[in-house]
């Protein structure tokens, strides 16, 4: 029989921090984390999956920011240094990973010191920034799709994309 505990019911939003940038009011955050799998099959059984090898982690983090400052907007283009924001890095074939930093999602109804439910992606970077659709009727919202990668320093024995809870030190 199920035991119901209303104390476990949550209603809140995510506080979003990327690198050293804390963002303003976050309207909506959609974290999607998918294991990248390869089927385990044997020829004599044909296309029957006997299991799966885990190859890595995929998915997307989508955030919608409101009340964003100029400094926060500039941070979404990590190759920006000063003046106008270039829409892409100046160097051809730039490795997007070179701009990656820790992306932390923290439930805003939980004390900052409690990290149990935090989603920490060790190497993430804004992949797609959609400027506001301005119509004079609704407040501006900047939509950001985040790309995340395994931490290359931890490749080999472990593919560390991140953690739920505080990352180990």
N, C-alpha and C. Protein backbone atom coordinates (compact mmCIF):
# COMPACT_ATOMS: atom_id res chain seq x y z
N UNK A 1 0.84 -1.17 0.00
CA UNK A 1 0.00 0.00 0.00
C UNK A 1 0.89 1.24 0.00
N UNK A 2 0.53 2.23 -0.79
CA UNK A 2 1.28 3.49 -0.86
C UNK A 2 1.06 4.32 0.39
N UNK A 3 2.14 4.95 0.83
CA UNK A 3 2.05 5.91 1.92
C UNK A 3 2.26 7.29 1.34
N UNK A 4 1.34 8.18 1.58
CA UNK A 4 1.42 9.53 1.04
C UNK A 4 1.95 10.48 2.10
N UNK A 5 2.89 11.33 1.69
CA UNK A 5 3.46 12.31 2.60
C UNK A 5 3.47 13.66 1.88
N UNK A 6 2.52 14.49 2.21
CA UNK A 6 2.37 15.79 1.57
C UNK A 6 3.61 16.66 1.77
N UNK A 7 4.40 16.38 2.81
CA UNK A 7 5.62 17.15 3.05
C UNK A 7 6.62 16.98 1.90
N UNK A 8 6.50 15.90 1.13
CA UNK A 8 7.40 15.66 0.01
C UNK A 8 6.93 16.33 -1.28
N UNK A 9 5.77 16.94 -1.27
CA UNK A 9 5.25 17.63 -2.45
C UNK A 9 6.03 18.93 -2.65
N UNK A 10 6.55 19.14 -3.85
CA UNK A 10 7.38 20.32 -4.12
C UNK A 10 6.69 21.23 -5.13
N UNK A 11 6.84 22.53 -4.92
CA UNK A 11 6.37 23.54 -5.86
C UNK A 11 7.42 24.64 -5.88
N UNK A 12 8.13 24.72 -6.96
CA UNK A 12 9.20 25.71 -7.01
C UNK A 12 9.75 25.83 -8.42
N UNK A 13 10.88 26.47 -8.52
CA UNK A 13 11.56 26.67 -9.79
C UNK A 13 13.04 26.39 -9.56
N UNK A 14 13.82 26.55 -10.60
CA UNK A 14 15.26 26.34 -10.50
C UNK A 14 15.98 27.68 -10.46
N UNK A 15 16.97 27.78 -9.57
CA UNK A 15 17.97 28.85 -9.65
C UNK A 15 19.06 28.32 -10.57
N UNK A 16 19.50 29.14 -11.52
CA UNK A 16 20.47 28.69 -12.51
C UNK A 16 21.75 29.49 -12.35
N UNK A 17 22.88 28.75 -12.24
CA UNK A 17 24.20 29.37 -12.19
C UNK A 17 25.07 28.68 -13.23
N UNK A 18 25.72 29.48 -14.06
CA UNK A 18 26.66 28.93 -15.04
C UNK A 18 28.00 29.61 -14.82
N UNK A 19 29.01 28.80 -14.47
CA UNK A 19 30.30 29.37 -14.12
C UNK A 19 30.10 30.30 -12.93
N UNK A 20 30.46 31.57 -13.08
CA UNK A 20 30.29 32.53 -11.99
C UNK A 20 29.05 33.40 -12.19
N UNK A 21 28.26 33.12 -13.23
CA UNK A 21 27.09 33.96 -13.54
C UNK A 21 25.82 33.35 -12.95
N UNK A 22 25.19 34.12 -12.06
CA UNK A 22 23.88 33.74 -11.54
C UNK A 22 22.84 34.50 -12.33
N UNK A 23 21.81 33.79 -12.79
CA UNK A 23 20.81 34.42 -13.64
C UNK A 23 19.62 34.88 -12.83
N UNK A 24 18.86 35.81 -13.41
CA UNK A 24 17.70 36.39 -12.74
C UNK A 24 16.55 35.41 -12.64
N UNK A 25 15.35 35.96 -12.61
CA UNK A 25 14.15 35.13 -12.48
C UNK A 25 14.10 34.13 -13.64
N UNK A 26 13.94 32.88 -13.31
CA UNK A 26 13.91 31.81 -14.32
C UNK A 26 12.47 31.35 -14.46
N UNK A 27 11.90 31.62 -15.63
CA UNK A 27 10.50 31.26 -15.86
C UNK A 27 10.30 29.76 -15.94
N UNK A 28 11.20 29.11 -16.64
CA UNK A 28 10.98 27.70 -16.92
C UNK A 28 12.34 27.06 -17.20
N UNK A 29 12.59 25.93 -16.58
CA UNK A 29 13.80 25.16 -16.84
C UNK A 29 13.36 23.73 -17.11
N UNK A 30 13.79 23.20 -18.25
CA UNK A 30 13.45 21.83 -18.61
C UNK A 30 14.73 21.03 -18.77
N UNK A 31 15.10 20.27 -17.74
CA UNK A 31 16.27 19.40 -17.88
C UNK A 31 15.84 18.04 -18.44
N UNK A 32 16.48 17.64 -19.53
CA UNK A 32 16.23 16.32 -20.12
C UNK A 32 17.57 15.59 -20.17
N UNK A 33 17.66 14.49 -19.46
CA UNK A 33 18.89 13.71 -19.40
C UNK A 33 18.58 12.31 -19.93
N UNK A 34 19.27 11.92 -21.02
CA UNK A 34 19.03 10.62 -21.66
C UNK A 34 20.34 9.84 -21.73
N UNK A 35 20.30 8.59 -21.32
CA UNK A 35 21.47 7.74 -21.51
C UNK A 35 21.63 7.43 -23.00
N UNK A 36 22.86 7.47 -23.49
CA UNK A 36 23.16 7.06 -24.86
C UNK A 36 23.52 5.58 -24.78
N UNK A 37 22.75 4.76 -25.50
CA UNK A 37 22.85 3.31 -25.37
C UNK A 37 23.20 2.65 -26.69
N UNK A 38 23.81 1.48 -26.61
CA UNK A 38 24.04 0.61 -27.77
C UNK A 38 23.51 -0.76 -27.41
N UNK A 39 22.73 -1.32 -28.33
CA UNK A 39 22.08 -2.60 -28.06
C UNK A 39 23.09 -3.73 -27.94
N UNK A 40 22.80 -4.67 -27.03
CA UNK A 40 23.56 -5.92 -26.93
C UNK A 40 22.75 -6.97 -27.68
N UNK A 41 23.35 -7.51 -28.74
CA UNK A 41 22.66 -8.50 -29.57
C UNK A 41 23.63 -9.61 -29.94
N UNK A 42 23.07 -10.77 -30.23
CA UNK A 42 23.85 -11.87 -30.79
C UNK A 42 23.20 -12.26 -32.11
N UNK A 43 24.03 -12.63 -33.07
CA UNK A 43 23.55 -12.93 -34.41
C UNK A 43 22.49 -14.01 -34.48
N UNK A 44 22.59 -15.03 -33.63
CA UNK A 44 21.64 -16.13 -33.71
C UNK A 44 20.24 -15.75 -33.26
N UNK A 45 20.09 -14.63 -32.55
CA UNK A 45 18.76 -14.21 -32.10
C UNK A 45 18.19 -13.06 -32.92
N UNK A 46 18.95 -12.57 -33.90
CA UNK A 46 18.45 -11.50 -34.75
C UNK A 46 18.35 -10.17 -34.01
N UNK A 47 17.29 -9.42 -34.27
CA UNK A 47 17.19 -8.05 -33.74
C UNK A 47 16.63 -7.95 -32.31
N UNK A 48 16.86 -8.97 -31.52
CA UNK A 48 16.37 -8.95 -30.13
C UNK A 48 17.41 -8.29 -29.24
N UNK A 49 17.00 -7.28 -28.50
CA UNK A 49 17.91 -6.62 -27.57
C UNK A 49 18.01 -7.44 -26.29
N UNK A 50 19.23 -7.83 -25.94
CA UNK A 50 19.48 -8.61 -24.73
C UNK A 50 19.89 -7.72 -23.57
N UNK A 51 20.08 -6.48 -23.85
CA UNK A 51 20.50 -5.48 -22.87
C UNK A 51 21.05 -4.29 -23.63
N UNK A 52 21.72 -3.41 -22.94
CA UNK A 52 22.31 -2.23 -23.56
C UNK A 52 23.62 -1.86 -22.88
N UNK A 53 24.59 -1.44 -23.67
CA UNK A 53 25.79 -0.83 -23.14
C UNK A 53 25.51 0.66 -22.97
N UNK A 54 25.99 1.23 -21.90
CA UNK A 54 25.85 2.66 -21.69
C UNK A 54 27.09 3.34 -22.26
N UNK A 55 26.89 4.20 -23.24
CA UNK A 55 28.00 4.87 -23.91
C UNK A 55 28.26 6.28 -23.37
N UNK A 56 27.23 6.90 -22.86
CA UNK A 56 27.39 8.27 -22.37
C UNK A 56 26.05 8.85 -21.97
N UNK A 57 26.00 10.17 -21.93
CA UNK A 57 24.80 10.89 -21.53
C UNK A 57 24.49 11.94 -22.57
N UNK A 58 23.25 12.02 -22.95
CA UNK A 58 22.79 13.03 -23.89
C UNK A 58 21.62 13.78 -23.28
N UNK A 59 21.01 14.61 -24.08
CA UNK A 59 19.87 15.37 -23.61
C UNK A 59 20.09 16.84 -23.82
N UNK A 60 19.29 17.64 -23.16
CA UNK A 60 19.34 19.08 -23.33
C UNK A 60 18.80 19.73 -22.08
N UNK A 61 19.37 20.86 -21.73
CA UNK A 61 18.82 21.70 -20.68
C UNK A 61 18.31 22.96 -21.38
N UNK A 62 17.04 23.27 -21.18
CA UNK A 62 16.46 24.48 -21.77
C UNK A 62 16.04 25.40 -20.63
N UNK A 63 16.50 26.65 -20.71
CA UNK A 63 16.15 27.63 -19.68
C UNK A 63 15.49 28.83 -20.35
N UNK A 64 14.57 29.45 -19.63
CA UNK A 64 13.93 30.67 -20.08
C UNK A 64 14.16 31.74 -19.02
N UNK A 65 14.95 32.76 -19.38
CA UNK A 65 15.32 33.79 -18.43
C UNK A 65 14.51 35.06 -18.65
N UNK A 66 14.04 35.64 -17.55
CA UNK A 66 13.34 36.92 -17.55
C UNK A 66 14.16 37.84 -16.63
N UNK A 67 13.99 39.11 -16.75
CA UNK A 67 14.71 40.08 -15.92
C UNK A 67 16.22 39.90 -16.05
N UNK A 68 16.69 39.69 -17.26
CA UNK A 68 18.10 39.43 -17.49
C UNK A 68 18.85 40.75 -17.66
N UNK A 69 20.01 40.84 -17.04
CA UNK A 69 20.83 42.06 -17.14
C UNK A 69 21.73 41.98 -18.37
N UNK A 70 22.33 43.11 -18.72
CA UNK A 70 23.27 43.13 -19.85
C UNK A 70 24.45 42.19 -19.58
N UNK A 71 24.96 42.17 -18.35
CA UNK A 71 26.10 41.30 -18.01
C UNK A 71 25.71 39.83 -18.14
N UNK A 72 24.51 39.48 -17.72
CA UNK A 72 24.06 38.09 -17.85
C UNK A 72 23.89 37.71 -19.32
N UNK A 73 23.35 38.62 -20.10
CA UNK A 73 23.17 38.37 -21.54
C UNK A 73 24.53 38.18 -22.21
N UNK A 74 25.49 39.02 -21.87
CA UNK A 74 26.84 38.90 -22.43
C UNK A 74 27.47 37.56 -22.05
N UNK A 75 27.20 37.09 -20.85
CA UNK A 75 27.78 35.82 -20.39
C UNK A 75 27.29 34.63 -21.22
N UNK A 76 26.12 34.77 -21.84
CA UNK A 76 25.58 33.69 -22.67
C UNK A 76 26.36 33.53 -23.98
N UNK A 77 27.25 34.47 -24.26
CA UNK A 77 28.14 34.41 -25.43
C UNK A 77 29.56 34.43 -24.88
N UNK A 78 30.08 33.29 -24.42
CA UNK A 78 31.32 33.27 -23.64
C UNK A 78 32.56 33.76 -24.39
N UNK A 79 32.48 33.92 -25.69
CA UNK A 79 33.61 34.45 -26.46
C UNK A 79 33.61 35.98 -26.46
N UNK A 80 32.56 36.59 -25.90
CA UNK A 80 32.48 38.04 -25.83
C UNK A 80 33.55 38.57 -24.88
N UNK A 81 34.18 39.69 -25.26
CA UNK A 81 35.16 40.31 -24.37
C UNK A 81 34.77 41.75 -24.04
N UNK A 82 34.35 42.53 -25.05
CA UNK A 82 33.91 43.90 -24.81
C UNK A 82 33.18 44.41 -26.05
N UNK A 83 32.47 45.53 -25.88
CA UNK A 83 31.76 46.12 -27.01
C UNK A 83 30.57 45.28 -27.43
N UNK A 84 30.29 45.27 -28.73
CA UNK A 84 29.18 44.49 -29.29
C UNK A 84 29.46 43.00 -29.12
N UNK A 85 28.41 42.22 -29.00
CA UNK A 85 28.54 40.77 -28.82
C UNK A 85 28.61 40.08 -30.18
N UNK A 86 29.73 39.43 -30.51
CA UNK A 86 29.77 38.65 -31.76
C UNK A 86 28.81 37.46 -31.63
N UNK A 87 28.11 37.13 -32.71
CA UNK A 87 27.15 36.03 -32.67
C UNK A 87 27.82 34.67 -32.67
N UNK A 88 29.09 34.63 -33.01
CA UNK A 88 29.84 33.38 -32.98
C UNK A 88 31.29 33.71 -32.66
N UNK A 89 32.07 32.70 -32.22
CA UNK A 89 33.49 32.95 -31.97
C UNK A 89 34.19 33.40 -33.25
N UNK A 90 35.24 34.18 -33.10
CA UNK A 90 35.94 34.71 -34.28
C UNK A 90 36.77 33.65 -34.99
N UNK A 91 37.24 32.64 -34.26
CA UNK A 91 38.08 31.62 -34.88
C UNK A 91 37.27 30.51 -35.52
N UNK A 92 37.61 30.16 -36.76
CA UNK A 92 36.94 29.03 -37.40
C UNK A 92 37.28 27.74 -36.67
N UNK A 93 36.37 26.83 -36.67
CA UNK A 93 36.56 25.51 -36.05
C UNK A 93 36.87 25.59 -34.56
N UNK A 94 36.34 26.59 -33.90
CA UNK A 94 36.52 26.71 -32.45
C UNK A 94 35.81 25.56 -31.76
N UNK A 95 36.47 24.95 -30.80
CA UNK A 95 35.86 23.86 -30.03
C UNK A 95 34.95 24.47 -28.97
N UNK A 96 33.65 24.26 -29.10
CA UNK A 96 32.68 24.82 -28.16
C UNK A 96 33.01 24.40 -26.73
N UNK A 97 33.58 23.22 -26.57
CA UNK A 97 33.97 22.72 -25.25
C UNK A 97 34.91 23.70 -24.53
N UNK A 98 35.69 24.44 -25.28
CA UNK A 98 36.66 25.36 -24.65
C UNK A 98 35.96 26.44 -23.83
N UNK A 99 34.67 26.65 -24.04
CA UNK A 99 33.91 27.63 -23.28
C UNK A 99 33.08 26.99 -22.16
N UNK A 100 33.14 25.69 -22.03
CA UNK A 100 32.27 24.98 -21.09
C UNK A 100 32.64 25.28 -19.63
N UNK A 101 31.61 25.35 -18.79
CA UNK A 101 31.77 25.59 -17.36
C UNK A 101 30.67 24.83 -16.62
N UNK A 102 30.73 24.83 -15.32
CA UNK A 102 29.74 24.15 -14.49
C UNK A 102 28.38 24.85 -14.63
N UNK A 103 27.36 24.07 -14.95
CA UNK A 103 25.97 24.55 -14.96
C UNK A 103 25.27 23.91 -13.78
N UNK A 104 24.81 24.76 -12.85
CA UNK A 104 24.15 24.25 -11.64
C UNK A 104 22.69 24.69 -11.62
N UNK A 105 21.81 23.71 -11.45
CA UNK A 105 20.39 23.97 -11.25
C UNK A 105 20.08 23.63 -9.80
N UNK A 106 19.59 24.61 -9.06
CA UNK A 106 19.29 24.41 -7.64
C UNK A 106 17.82 24.76 -7.40
N UNK A 107 17.06 23.85 -6.75
CA UNK A 107 15.65 24.15 -6.46
C UNK A 107 15.55 25.38 -5.56
N UNK A 108 14.77 26.38 -5.99
CA UNK A 108 14.75 27.65 -5.26
C UNK A 108 13.98 27.60 -3.95
N UNK A 109 13.24 26.53 -3.69
CA UNK A 109 12.51 26.44 -2.42
C UNK A 109 13.32 25.73 -1.34
N UNK A 110 14.53 25.31 -1.69
CA UNK A 110 15.39 24.59 -0.76
C UNK A 110 16.57 25.48 -0.40
N UNK A 111 16.98 25.46 0.85
CA UNK A 111 18.12 26.28 1.30
C UNK A 111 19.34 26.03 0.44
N UNK A 112 20.09 27.08 0.17
CA UNK A 112 21.26 27.00 -0.71
C UNK A 112 22.27 25.95 -0.24
N UNK A 113 22.41 25.79 1.06
CA UNK A 113 23.38 24.84 1.61
C UNK A 113 22.96 23.39 1.40
N UNK A 114 21.68 23.15 1.11
CA UNK A 114 21.20 21.78 0.86
C UNK A 114 21.30 21.50 -0.63
N UNK A 115 22.21 20.61 -1.00
CA UNK A 115 22.49 20.36 -2.42
C UNK A 115 21.94 19.03 -2.91
N UNK A 116 21.16 18.35 -2.11
CA UNK A 116 20.68 17.01 -2.42
C UNK A 116 19.99 16.91 -3.78
N UNK A 117 19.23 17.93 -4.17
CA UNK A 117 18.46 17.89 -5.41
C UNK A 117 19.09 18.71 -6.53
N UNK A 118 20.27 19.30 -6.29
CA UNK A 118 20.93 20.08 -7.34
C UNK A 118 21.28 19.18 -8.52
N UNK A 119 21.16 19.74 -9.72
CA UNK A 119 21.68 19.09 -10.92
C UNK A 119 22.92 19.87 -11.31
N UNK A 120 24.06 19.20 -11.32
CA UNK A 120 25.34 19.82 -11.66
C UNK A 120 25.90 19.16 -12.92
N UNK A 121 25.98 19.92 -14.00
CA UNK A 121 26.61 19.44 -15.22
C UNK A 121 27.98 20.10 -15.29
N UNK A 122 29.03 19.28 -15.25
CA UNK A 122 30.39 19.78 -15.07
C UNK A 122 30.87 20.64 -16.23
N UNK A 123 30.49 20.29 -17.43
CA UNK A 123 30.95 21.02 -18.62
C UNK A 123 29.75 21.30 -19.52
N UNK A 124 29.22 22.51 -19.41
CA UNK A 124 28.06 22.92 -20.21
C UNK A 124 28.34 24.28 -20.82
N UNK A 125 27.65 24.55 -21.91
CA UNK A 125 27.84 25.82 -22.62
C UNK A 125 26.55 26.16 -23.35
N UNK A 126 26.21 27.46 -23.43
CA UNK A 126 25.03 27.83 -24.22
C UNK A 126 25.25 27.46 -25.69
N UNK A 127 24.33 26.67 -26.23
CA UNK A 127 24.43 26.24 -27.62
C UNK A 127 23.54 27.09 -28.53
N UNK A 128 22.38 27.45 -28.02
CA UNK A 128 21.43 28.23 -28.81
C UNK A 128 20.78 29.26 -27.90
N UNK A 129 20.95 30.54 -28.24
CA UNK A 129 20.34 31.63 -27.48
C UNK A 129 19.28 32.26 -28.38
N UNK A 130 18.04 32.23 -27.93
CA UNK A 130 16.95 32.83 -28.69
C UNK A 130 16.56 34.14 -28.02
N UNK A 131 16.85 35.26 -28.69
CA UNK A 131 16.47 36.56 -28.11
C UNK A 131 14.95 36.64 -27.92
N UNK A 132 14.50 37.59 -27.12
CA UNK A 132 13.07 37.69 -26.83
C UNK A 132 12.24 37.98 -28.07
N UNK A 133 11.03 37.43 -28.07
CA UNK A 133 10.03 37.77 -29.07
C UNK A 133 9.29 38.98 -28.50
N UNK A 134 9.62 40.15 -28.96
CA UNK A 134 9.10 41.38 -28.36
C UNK A 134 7.85 41.84 -29.10
N UNK A 135 6.76 41.94 -28.36
CA UNK A 135 5.52 42.40 -28.97
C UNK A 135 4.84 43.50 -28.15
N UNK A 136 5.48 43.96 -27.09
CA UNK A 136 4.91 45.01 -26.26
C UNK A 136 3.77 44.57 -25.38
N UNK A 137 3.48 43.27 -25.39
CA UNK A 137 2.35 42.76 -24.63
C UNK A 137 2.76 41.87 -23.46
N UNK A 138 3.82 41.09 -23.66
CA UNK A 138 4.30 40.19 -22.61
C UNK A 138 5.76 40.50 -22.32
N UNK A 139 6.22 40.28 -21.08
CA UNK A 139 7.62 40.55 -20.75
C UNK A 139 8.59 39.70 -21.58
N UNK A 140 9.78 40.26 -21.78
CA UNK A 140 10.81 39.57 -22.55
C UNK A 140 11.28 38.31 -21.83
N UNK A 141 11.53 37.26 -22.61
CA UNK A 141 12.11 36.02 -22.10
C UNK A 141 13.20 35.60 -23.08
N UNK A 142 14.39 35.32 -22.55
CA UNK A 142 15.50 34.83 -23.36
C UNK A 142 15.58 33.32 -23.16
N UNK A 143 15.44 32.57 -24.26
CA UNK A 143 15.47 31.10 -24.21
C UNK A 143 16.88 30.63 -24.54
N UNK A 144 17.40 29.72 -23.71
CA UNK A 144 18.76 29.20 -23.92
C UNK A 144 18.72 27.67 -23.90
N UNK A 145 19.32 27.07 -24.92
CA UNK A 145 19.53 25.62 -24.94
C UNK A 145 21.00 25.37 -24.62
N UNK A 146 21.22 24.52 -23.62
CA UNK A 146 22.58 24.25 -23.14
C UNK A 146 23.06 22.91 -23.66
N UNK A 147 24.27 22.90 -24.18
CA UNK A 147 24.95 21.67 -24.58
C UNK A 147 25.84 21.25 -23.42
N UNK A 148 25.87 19.97 -23.11
CA UNK A 148 26.79 19.51 -22.07
C UNK A 148 27.64 18.36 -22.57
N UNK A 149 28.81 18.25 -21.97
CA UNK A 149 29.84 17.29 -22.39
C UNK A 149 30.38 16.56 -21.16
N UNK A 150 31.04 15.41 -21.40
CA UNK A 150 31.77 14.80 -20.28
C UNK A 150 33.00 15.66 -19.97
N UNK A 151 33.41 15.65 -18.74
CA UNK A 151 34.62 16.36 -18.34
C UNK A 151 35.81 15.59 -18.93
N UNK A 152 36.49 16.19 -19.88
CA UNK A 152 37.59 15.49 -20.58
C UNK A 152 38.72 15.10 -19.64
N UNK A 153 38.85 15.80 -18.53
CA UNK A 153 39.90 15.46 -17.56
C UNK A 153 39.59 14.13 -16.87
N UNK A 154 38.34 13.68 -16.95
CA UNK A 154 37.96 12.44 -16.27
C UNK A 154 37.68 11.30 -17.26
N UNK A 155 38.04 11.46 -18.52
CA UNK A 155 37.82 10.41 -19.51
C UNK A 155 38.77 9.24 -19.25
N UNK A 156 38.39 8.12 -19.74
CA UNK A 156 39.22 6.92 -19.58
C UNK A 156 38.52 5.92 -18.69
N UNK A 157 38.58 6.15 -17.40
CA UNK A 157 37.95 5.21 -16.48
C UNK A 157 36.51 5.61 -16.17
N UNK A 158 36.19 6.88 -16.34
CA UNK A 158 34.83 7.35 -16.02
C UNK A 158 34.48 8.49 -16.99
N UNK A 159 33.26 8.52 -17.41
CA UNK A 159 32.77 9.63 -18.23
C UNK A 159 31.89 10.48 -17.34
N UNK A 160 32.47 11.47 -16.74
CA UNK A 160 31.75 12.27 -15.75
C UNK A 160 31.08 13.47 -16.41
N UNK A 161 29.79 13.36 -16.57
CA UNK A 161 29.01 14.48 -17.10
C UNK A 161 28.55 15.39 -15.97
N UNK A 162 28.25 14.80 -14.83
CA UNK A 162 27.77 15.60 -13.72
C UNK A 162 27.14 14.73 -12.66
N UNK A 163 26.42 15.40 -11.77
CA UNK A 163 25.87 14.71 -10.60
C UNK A 163 24.54 15.34 -10.19
N UNK A 164 23.72 14.54 -9.54
CA UNK A 164 22.60 15.08 -8.77
C UNK A 164 23.10 15.10 -7.35
N UNK A 165 23.16 16.29 -6.79
CA UNK A 165 23.84 16.51 -5.52
C UNK A 165 25.16 17.19 -5.81
N UNK A 166 25.89 17.52 -4.79
CA UNK A 166 27.16 18.23 -4.95
C UNK A 166 28.19 17.35 -5.64
N UNK A 167 28.93 17.91 -6.62
CA UNK A 167 30.00 17.12 -7.24
C UNK A 167 31.07 16.78 -6.22
N UNK A 168 31.64 15.57 -6.30
CA UNK A 168 32.72 15.21 -5.38
C UNK A 168 33.91 16.17 -5.55
N UNK A 169 34.61 16.45 -4.45
CA UNK A 169 35.77 17.33 -4.57
C UNK A 169 37.02 16.56 -4.88
